[in-house]
Amino acid sequence: MATLTEASVTARKAIKWGGIGFVVITILWYIGVGAVNYYKLLNPPPLPPAGVEFSEIQAVNFPESKNRPKILLELPTGTIPAFPDRMRVYWAPTRRSGFADSDRAIETATALGFLFKPLQPTETNYVWTNQDQLNSRLEMNIITGHFELTRQWQNNPTLATLGNFISDKVVITETENYLKRVGLLNEDAVGVEKVTYLKNDVGRLVNALSLSDADFVQIDIFRKNIDEIDPESKTKEVVASYPFYRTDPTKGLIRTVVTGSKIQNEKIISMDYEYTDIDYAKSGTYPIKTGEEAWAELSAGGGFVSPVGPKTGEVKIRRIFLGYYDSNENQQYAMPIYVFLGDQGFTAYVSAISEEWIEKK
């Protein structure tokens, strides 16, 4: 029969080795969990297939591409980067002709200062003119809502002497505030702004060296980037940002040229408005080509080469990335593209969506 002392010693040993065993098991558990997580990090489970929610979709409506230079690939890393295997396609509802088109167009024209009845060269094309000193003219497609506003600033040469612009920021803010007041600045249109300084050269607008040298300022407003948010991030961390590119990559959805005049009808001497709607709440994921496939397509004569940039000679491609195409015309979808940037302003696009999901003509 064990004595009380022996029982006490046995109990202490049991507690000691039990504690050691617990610590060892705990350490092994954490090591095991860490090993599993590390394995998952190195070998993540495959994502579910892309949803292709719109089924087969129309091809990107690139314009005809004429006269392209010889292109060579010369990236900083020497290799084409890895890209995701899928991208989102967004619904971009095409405007249809309707009874409200005329009323909506007249409302926009009135907000821009054109109060008289328009001429109607065609059923969809309206033209307003003001008999003012600057021969103000507004031409609009009443279905798309796209328009061109022009004023002959040369009829009032003093407009070229009113520069004295304070800063790029002030010019941009004043222009965007005006566009908001007349209902022409949608939330997603306020993305990147590009400022170009212009001056009078015997009745022509040419580039100026600086803001202080400028008689006029041109503002191009581009659509806001589409940001990809990490779904597991509590702070909504942006893991990728995709810019929009247009047929002319230097021209925004909205382009205005402004003077230093304080009179509103003399403030904006031209405006090209080509905004199209995108429904960001309605989208689908689609498999995309690899960067290598996109490059092979472009180098074989496919894709689209912007007319802005060199048309002959040899150009080296310096960057490849994913973006979205902002068409000059209404399209059914906002679709991802591969963007190729090179020397001398060279810009080219290749549709990113895998060909198996493009409607066959």
Protein backbone atom coordinates (compact mmCIF):
# COMPACT_ATOMS: atom_id res chain seq x y z
CA MET A 1 0.00 0.00 0.00
CA ALA A 2 1.45 3.38 -1.12
CA THR A 3 2.27 5.86 1.58
CA LEU A 4 1.01 9.43 1.52
CA THR A 5 4.49 10.64 0.52
CA GLU A 6 4.67 8.23 -2.41
CA ALA A 7 1.22 9.29 -3.60
CA SER A 8 2.25 12.93 -3.42
CA VAL A 9 5.39 12.26 -5.49
CA THR A 10 3.39 10.32 -8.06
CA ALA A 11 0.84 13.12 -8.33
CA ARG A 12 3.54 15.74 -8.82
CA LYS A 13 5.15 13.64 -11.56
CA ALA A 14 1.80 13.20 -13.25
CA ILE A 15 1.15 16.95 -13.15
CA LYS A 16 4.68 17.67 -14.42
CA TRP A 17 4.58 15.24 -17.34
CA GLY A 18 1.00 16.11 -18.08
CA GLY A 19 1.95 19.80 -18.33
CA ILE A 20 4.91 18.97 -20.55
CA GLY A 21 2.69 16.80 -22.71
CA PHE A 22 0.12 19.59 -23.01
CA VAL A 23 2.79 22.10 -24.04
CA VAL A 24 4.23 19.66 -26.59
CA ILE A 25 0.81 18.90 -28.03
CA THR A 26 -0.01 22.63 -28.21
CA ILE A 27 3.28 23.38 -29.99
CA LEU A 28 2.74 20.50 -32.41
CA TRP A 29 -0.81 21.72 -33.08
CA TYR A 30 0.40 25.24 -33.94
CA ILE A 31 3.19 23.80 -36.09
CA GLY A 32 0.66 21.61 -37.87
CA VAL A 33 -1.75 24.50 -38.46
CA GLY A 34 1.11 26.68 -39.68
CA ALA A 35 2.31 23.94 -42.02
CA VAL A 36 -1.18 23.47 -43.45
CA ASN A 37 -1.63 27.23 -43.96
CA TYR A 38 1.80 27.50 -45.58
CA TYR A 39 0.95 24.62 -47.91
CA LYS A 40 -2.34 26.31 -48.82
CA LEU A 41 -0.44 29.55 -49.47
CA LEU A 42 1.93 27.77 -51.84
CA ASN A 43 -0.81 25.58 -53.29
CA PRO A 44 -4.06 27.54 -53.11
CA PRO A 45 -7.20 25.63 -54.02
CA PRO A 46 -8.33 26.30 -57.59
CA LEU A 47 -10.92 29.03 -58.02
CA PRO A 48 -14.34 27.99 -59.23
CA PRO A 49 -14.80 28.41 -63.00
CA ALA A 50 -15.59 31.90 -64.29
CA GLY A 51 -19.32 32.55 -64.18
CA VAL A 52 -19.74 33.78 -67.79
CA GLU A 53 -23.06 35.28 -66.65
CA PHE A 54 -23.85 36.89 -70.01
CA SER A 55 -22.99 33.70 -71.94
CA GLU A 56 -21.38 34.52 -75.33
CA ILE A 57 -20.82 38.25 -75.80
CA GLN A 58 -20.10 40.57 -78.69
CA ALA A 59 -16.50 41.26 -79.65
CA VAL A 60 -14.93 44.57 -78.72
CA ASN A 61 -15.88 47.03 -81.45
CA PHE A 62 -12.43 48.36 -82.36
CA PRO A 63 -12.23 50.75 -85.33
CA GLU A 64 -10.27 49.63 -88.37
CA SER A 65 -6.57 49.85 -87.61
CA LYS A 66 -4.47 51.31 -90.43
CA ASN A 67 -0.72 51.67 -90.91
CA ARG A 68 1.09 50.19 -87.95
CA PRO A 69 4.85 50.19 -87.32
CA LYS A 70 6.97 47.12 -86.72
CA ILE A 71 6.73 46.25 -83.02
CA LEU A 72 9.29 44.58 -80.77
CA LEU A 73 8.83 43.46 -77.18
CA GLU A 74 11.34 44.97 -74.77
CA LEU A 75 9.93 44.90 -71.23
CA PRO A 76 11.92 45.99 -68.13
CA THR A 77 11.81 42.45 -66.68
CA GLY A 78 12.46 40.74 -69.99
CA THR A 79 9.35 38.60 -69.64
CA ILE A 80 5.60 39.12 -70.00
CA PRO A 81 4.10 39.39 -66.49
CA ALA A 82 1.56 36.93 -65.11
CA PHE A 83 -2.05 38.09 -65.23
CA PRO A 84 -5.24 36.76 -63.61
CA ASP A 85 -7.11 34.03 -65.46
CA ARG A 86 -10.40 35.97 -65.46
CA MET A 87 -11.79 39.51 -65.55
CA ARG A 88 -15.16 41.13 -65.02
CA VAL A 89 -17.34 42.25 -67.91
CA TYR A 90 -19.83 45.03 -67.11
CA TRP A 91 -23.23 45.69 -68.60
CA ALA A 92 -23.22 48.92 -70.61
CA PRO A 93 -26.84 49.47 -71.64
CA THR A 94 -27.15 50.77 -75.18
CA ARG A 95 -29.48 53.71 -75.48
CA ARG A 96 -32.50 53.04 -77.66
CA SER A 97 -34.48 55.64 -79.54
CA GLY A 98 -37.47 56.78 -77.50
CA PHE A 99 -40.08 59.50 -77.13
CA ALA A 100 -38.03 61.26 -74.44
CA ASP A 101 -34.90 61.68 -76.59
CA SER A 102 -35.92 65.06 -77.97
CA ASP A 103 -36.99 66.44 -74.59
CA ARG A 104 -33.79 65.25 -72.94
CA ALA A 105 -31.66 66.82 -75.69
CA ILE A 106 -33.49 70.14 -75.48
CA GLU A 107 -33.08 70.12 -71.69
CA THR A 108 -29.32 69.64 -72.04
CA ALA A 109 -29.08 72.35 -74.71
CA THR A 110 -31.01 74.78 -72.51
CA ALA A 111 -28.65 74.11 -69.60
CA LEU A 112 -25.75 74.92 -71.94
CA GLY A 113 -27.32 78.23 -72.95
CA PHE A 114 -29.00 77.28 -76.25
CA LEU A 115 -32.60 78.40 -75.92
CA PHE A 116 -33.90 78.48 -79.48
CA LYS A 117 -35.47 75.69 -81.50
CA PRO A 118 -32.85 73.42 -83.10
CA LEU A 119 -32.38 72.50 -86.72
CA GLN A 120 -32.90 68.79 -87.43
CA PRO A 121 -30.66 67.62 -90.31
CA THR A 122 -31.66 64.02 -89.48
CA GLU A 123 -34.05 62.33 -87.07
CA THR A 124 -31.28 61.75 -84.56
CA ASN A 125 -29.08 64.81 -85.14
CA TYR A 126 -30.02 68.23 -83.72
CA VAL A 127 -28.12 71.48 -84.25
CA TRP A 128 -28.52 74.65 -82.18
CA THR A 129 -26.96 78.00 -83.03
CA ASN A 130 -26.86 81.25 -81.09
CA GLN A 131 -26.64 84.56 -82.90
CA ASP A 132 -24.00 85.86 -80.52
CA GLN A 133 -20.56 87.33 -81.09
CA LEU A 134 -18.91 83.90 -80.91
CA ASN A 135 -21.37 82.13 -83.24
CA SER A 136 -21.99 79.48 -80.59
CA ARG A 137 -23.00 76.11 -82.04
CA LEU A 138 -24.15 72.84 -80.47
CA GLU A 139 -24.53 69.60 -82.45
CA MET A 140 -25.97 66.56 -80.67
CA ASN A 141 -26.94 62.97 -81.32
CA ILE A 142 -30.16 62.89 -79.34
CA ILE A 143 -30.04 59.10 -78.82
CA THR A 144 -26.50 58.73 -77.46
CA GLY A 145 -26.44 62.19 -75.90
CA HIS A 146 -23.00 62.82 -77.39
CA PHE A 147 -22.43 66.37 -78.55
CA GLU A 148 -19.91 68.93 -79.75
CA LEU A 149 -20.08 72.54 -78.61
CA THR A 150 -17.99 75.16 -80.42
CA ARG A 151 -17.54 78.91 -80.14
CA GLN A 152 -15.52 81.07 -82.53
CA TRP A 153 -13.27 82.70 -79.96
CA GLN A 154 -11.39 84.44 -82.80
CA ASN A 155 -14.38 86.80 -83.11
CA ASN A 156 -13.39 88.22 -79.73
CA PRO A 157 -9.57 88.34 -79.68
CA THR A 158 -9.53 89.69 -76.12
CA LEU A 159 -10.43 86.18 -74.91
CA ALA A 160 -6.84 85.19 -75.71
CA THR A 161 -5.57 87.84 -73.30
CA LEU A 162 -7.56 86.82 -70.22
CA GLY A 163 -5.37 83.86 -69.15
CA ASN A 164 -4.01 84.47 -65.66
CA PHE A 165 -5.01 80.95 -64.59
CA ILE A 166 -4.26 80.33 -60.90
CA SER A 167 -3.46 76.61 -61.03
CA ASP A 168 -4.36 73.36 -62.76
CA LYS A 169 -6.45 72.35 -59.74
CA VAL A 170 -8.53 75.53 -59.84
CA VAL A 171 -9.18 75.18 -63.58
CA ILE A 172 -10.22 71.53 -63.16
CA THR A 173 -12.45 72.26 -60.16
CA GLU A 174 -14.23 75.16 -61.88
CA THR A 175 -14.83 73.08 -65.01
CA GLU A 176 -16.12 70.05 -63.11
CA ASN A 177 -18.37 72.22 -60.94
CA TYR A 178 -19.92 73.68 -64.09
CA LEU A 179 -20.45 70.22 -65.59
CA LYS A 180 -22.16 69.11 -62.37
CA ARG A 181 -24.46 72.13 -62.42
CA VAL A 182 -25.66 71.32 -65.93
CA GLY A 183 -26.03 67.60 -65.14
CA LEU A 184 -23.20 66.33 -67.35
CA LEU A 185 -20.74 64.89 -64.83
CA ASN A 186 -21.62 61.38 -63.72
CA GLU A 187 -19.87 59.99 -60.66
CA ASP A 188 -17.73 57.50 -62.58
CA ALA A 189 -16.62 60.18 -65.06
CA VAL A 190 -14.57 61.91 -62.38
CA GLY A 191 -11.42 59.84 -62.67
CA VAL A 192 -8.17 61.06 -64.17
CA GLU A 193 -7.93 64.62 -65.44
CA LYS A 194 -5.32 65.70 -67.98
CA VAL A 195 -4.49 69.36 -68.52
CA THR A 196 -3.00 70.75 -71.74
CA TYR A 197 -1.83 74.35 -72.03
CA LEU A 198 -2.75 76.20 -75.22
CA LYS A 199 -2.02 79.62 -76.68
CA ASN A 200 -3.13 81.73 -79.61
CA ASP A 201 -0.97 81.57 -82.72
CA VAL A 202 -2.57 83.80 -85.35
CA GLY A 203 -6.04 82.44 -84.70
CA ARG A 204 -4.94 78.85 -84.11
CA LEU A 205 -4.58 77.00 -80.82
CA VAL A 206 -1.09 75.56 -80.31
CA ASN A 207 0.63 74.04 -77.29
CA ALA A 208 2.00 76.40 -74.67
CA LEU A 209 4.98 75.63 -72.46
CA SER A 210 3.38 76.28 -69.08
CA LEU A 211 0.24 77.51 -67.33
CA SER A 212 1.70 81.00 -67.05
CA ASP A 213 2.27 80.98 -70.82
CA ALA A 214 -1.25 79.69 -71.61
CA ASP A 215 -4.08 81.72 -73.14
CA PHE A 216 -6.44 78.73 -72.91
CA VAL A 217 -6.51 75.44 -71.01
CA GLN A 218 -7.77 72.11 -72.35
CA ILE A 219 -9.12 69.63 -69.78
CA ASP A 220 -9.64 65.96 -70.60
CA ILE A 221 -11.73 64.01 -68.09
CA PHE A 222 -11.37 60.23 -68.14
CA ARG A 223 -13.55 57.58 -66.54
CA LYS A 224 -12.62 56.43 -63.05
CA ASN A 225 -10.53 53.24 -62.80
CA ILE A 226 -12.23 50.00 -61.83
CA ASP A 227 -10.71 48.90 -58.52
CA GLU A 228 -10.58 45.25 -57.49
CA ILE A 229 -11.14 44.97 -53.73
CA ASP A 230 -9.79 42.11 -51.62
CA PRO A 231 -13.01 40.41 -50.42
CA GLU A 232 -11.31 39.28 -47.20
CA SER A 233 -9.91 42.71 -46.33
CA LYS A 234 -11.72 44.61 -43.56
CA THR A 235 -10.17 47.85 -44.84
CA LYS A 236 -11.29 47.20 -48.44
CA GLU A 237 -7.74 46.95 -49.70
CA VAL A 238 -7.38 47.58 -53.44
CA VAL A 239 -5.42 44.70 -54.96
CA ALA A 240 -5.64 45.89 -58.59
CA SER A 241 -6.80 48.98 -60.45
CA TYR A 242 -7.80 48.87 -64.11
CA PRO A 243 -7.81 52.10 -66.17
CA PHE A 244 -10.09 52.87 -69.10
CA TYR A 245 -8.54 53.52 -72.51
CA ARG A 246 -10.24 55.13 -75.49
CA THR A 247 -9.68 54.90 -79.26
CA ASP A 248 -7.62 58.08 -78.88
CA PRO A 249 -5.85 57.45 -75.55
CA THR A 250 -5.11 61.16 -75.16
CA LYS A 251 -8.77 62.24 -75.33
CA GLY A 252 -11.10 62.04 -72.35
CA LEU A 253 -14.79 61.18 -72.29
CA ILE A 254 -15.27 64.90 -71.85
CA ARG A 255 -12.88 67.42 -73.40
CA THR A 256 -13.28 71.12 -72.79
CA VAL A 257 -11.23 74.17 -73.70
CA VAL A 258 -11.65 77.11 -71.34
CA THR A 259 -10.69 80.77 -71.36
CA GLY A 260 -9.94 83.09 -68.47
CA SER A 261 -13.24 84.95 -68.95
CA LYS A 262 -15.65 85.26 -66.04
CA ILE A 263 -18.66 85.26 -68.41
CA GLN A 264 -20.04 81.72 -68.66
CA ASN A 265 -20.89 81.86 -72.38
CA GLU A 266 -17.29 82.88 -73.04
CA LYS A 267 -15.69 80.60 -70.46
CA ILE A 268 -15.99 77.33 -72.42
CA ILE A 269 -15.12 77.75 -76.09
CA SER A 270 -15.37 74.06 -76.99
CA MET A 271 -16.63 70.81 -75.50
CA ASP A 272 -16.67 67.26 -76.85
CA TYR A 273 -18.96 65.09 -74.74
CA GLU A 274 -18.86 61.32 -75.36
CA TYR A 275 -19.94 59.79 -72.06
CA THR A 276 -21.60 56.34 -72.13
CA ASP A 277 -23.35 54.54 -69.26
CA ILE A 278 -21.95 51.50 -67.45
CA ASP A 279 -23.98 49.50 -64.92
CA TYR A 280 -21.32 48.42 -62.40
CA ALA A 281 -23.88 46.44 -60.38
CA LYS A 282 -24.48 44.10 -63.30
CA SER A 283 -21.37 42.15 -64.23
CA GLY A 284 -19.98 38.69 -64.93
CA THR A 285 -16.59 37.01 -64.80
CA TYR A 286 -15.02 35.63 -67.98
CA PRO A 287 -11.83 33.66 -68.70
CA ILE A 288 -9.19 35.74 -70.44
CA LYS A 289 -6.23 35.17 -72.72
CA THR A 290 -2.75 35.00 -71.27
CA GLY A 291 -0.36 37.88 -71.80
CA GLU A 292 1.61 35.69 -74.21
CA GLU A 293 -1.51 34.98 -76.27
CA ALA A 294 -2.38 38.68 -76.42
CA TRP A 295 1.14 39.57 -77.55
CA ALA A 296 1.08 36.85 -80.21
CA GLU A 297 -2.22 38.23 -81.51
CA LEU A 298 -0.94 41.81 -81.67
CA SER A 299 2.39 40.90 -83.28
CA ALA A 300 0.52 38.87 -85.91
CA GLY A 301 -1.45 41.97 -86.96
CA GLY A 302 -4.47 41.57 -84.68
CA GLY A 303 -5.90 43.94 -82.10
CA PHE A 304 -6.06 47.70 -82.58
CA VAL A 305 -3.28 50.27 -82.88
CA SER A 306 -4.27 53.79 -81.94
CA PRO A 307 -3.79 56.40 -84.68
CA VAL A 308 -2.09 58.56 -82.05
CA GLY A 309 1.56 57.59 -82.28
CA PRO A 310 3.99 56.33 -84.92
CA LYS A 311 2.56 54.62 -88.01
CA THR A 312 5.83 53.50 -89.59
CA GLY A 313 9.30 52.47 -88.53
CA GLU A 314 10.08 50.34 -85.49
CA VAL A 315 8.63 50.67 -81.98
CA LYS A 316 9.58 48.88 -78.77
CA ILE A 317 6.80 47.83 -76.38
CA ARG A 318 7.73 48.82 -72.82
CA ARG A 319 4.59 47.98 -70.80
CA ILE A 320 1.74 45.46 -70.88
CA PHE A 321 -1.21 45.61 -68.49
CA LEU A 322 -4.94 45.02 -68.26
CA GLY A 323 -7.55 47.76 -68.59
CA TYR A 324 -10.99 48.40 -70.07
CA TYR A 325 -11.96 49.76 -73.47
CA ASP A 326 -14.06 52.93 -73.46
CA SER A 327 -15.61 52.88 -76.91
CA ASN A 328 -16.49 56.04 -78.83
CA GLU A 329 -19.82 54.37 -79.53
CA ASN A 330 -22.43 52.74 -77.34
CA GLN A 331 -21.54 49.09 -76.79
CA GLN A 332 -23.43 46.43 -74.91
CA TYR A 333 -20.59 45.68 -72.50
CA ALA A 334 -17.55 47.33 -70.95
CA MET A 335 -14.89 44.73 -71.72
CA PRO A 336 -11.31 44.14 -70.56
CA ILE A 337 -8.38 44.63 -72.90
CA TYR A 338 -4.65 44.17 -72.86
CA VAL A 339 -2.94 47.55 -73.23
CA PHE A 340 0.47 47.75 -74.92
CA LEU A 341 2.45 50.98 -74.47
CA GLY A 342 5.61 51.74 -76.39
CA ASP A 343 7.98 54.46 -77.49
CA GLN A 344 6.81 57.71 -79.11
CA GLY A 345 3.30 57.44 -77.67
CA PHE A 346 2.56 54.05 -79.25
CA THR A 347 -0.64 52.52 -77.82
CA ALA A 348 -2.33 49.29 -78.86
CA TYR A 349 -5.15 47.13 -77.53
CA VAL A 350 -6.07 43.45 -77.73
CA SER A 351 -9.41 42.10 -76.49
CA ALA A 352 -8.72 40.08 -73.33
CA ILE A 353 -11.76 37.77 -73.31
CA SER A 354 -11.07 34.18 -74.43
CA GLU A 355 -12.30 33.65 -77.98
CA GLU A 356 -14.54 30.74 -76.95
CA TRP A 357 -16.89 33.25 -75.28
CA ILE A 358 -17.05 35.71 -78.17
CA GLU A 359 -20.08 35.54 -80.46
CA LYS A 360 -19.23 34.17 -83.88
CA LYS A 361 -20.25 36.40 -86.77
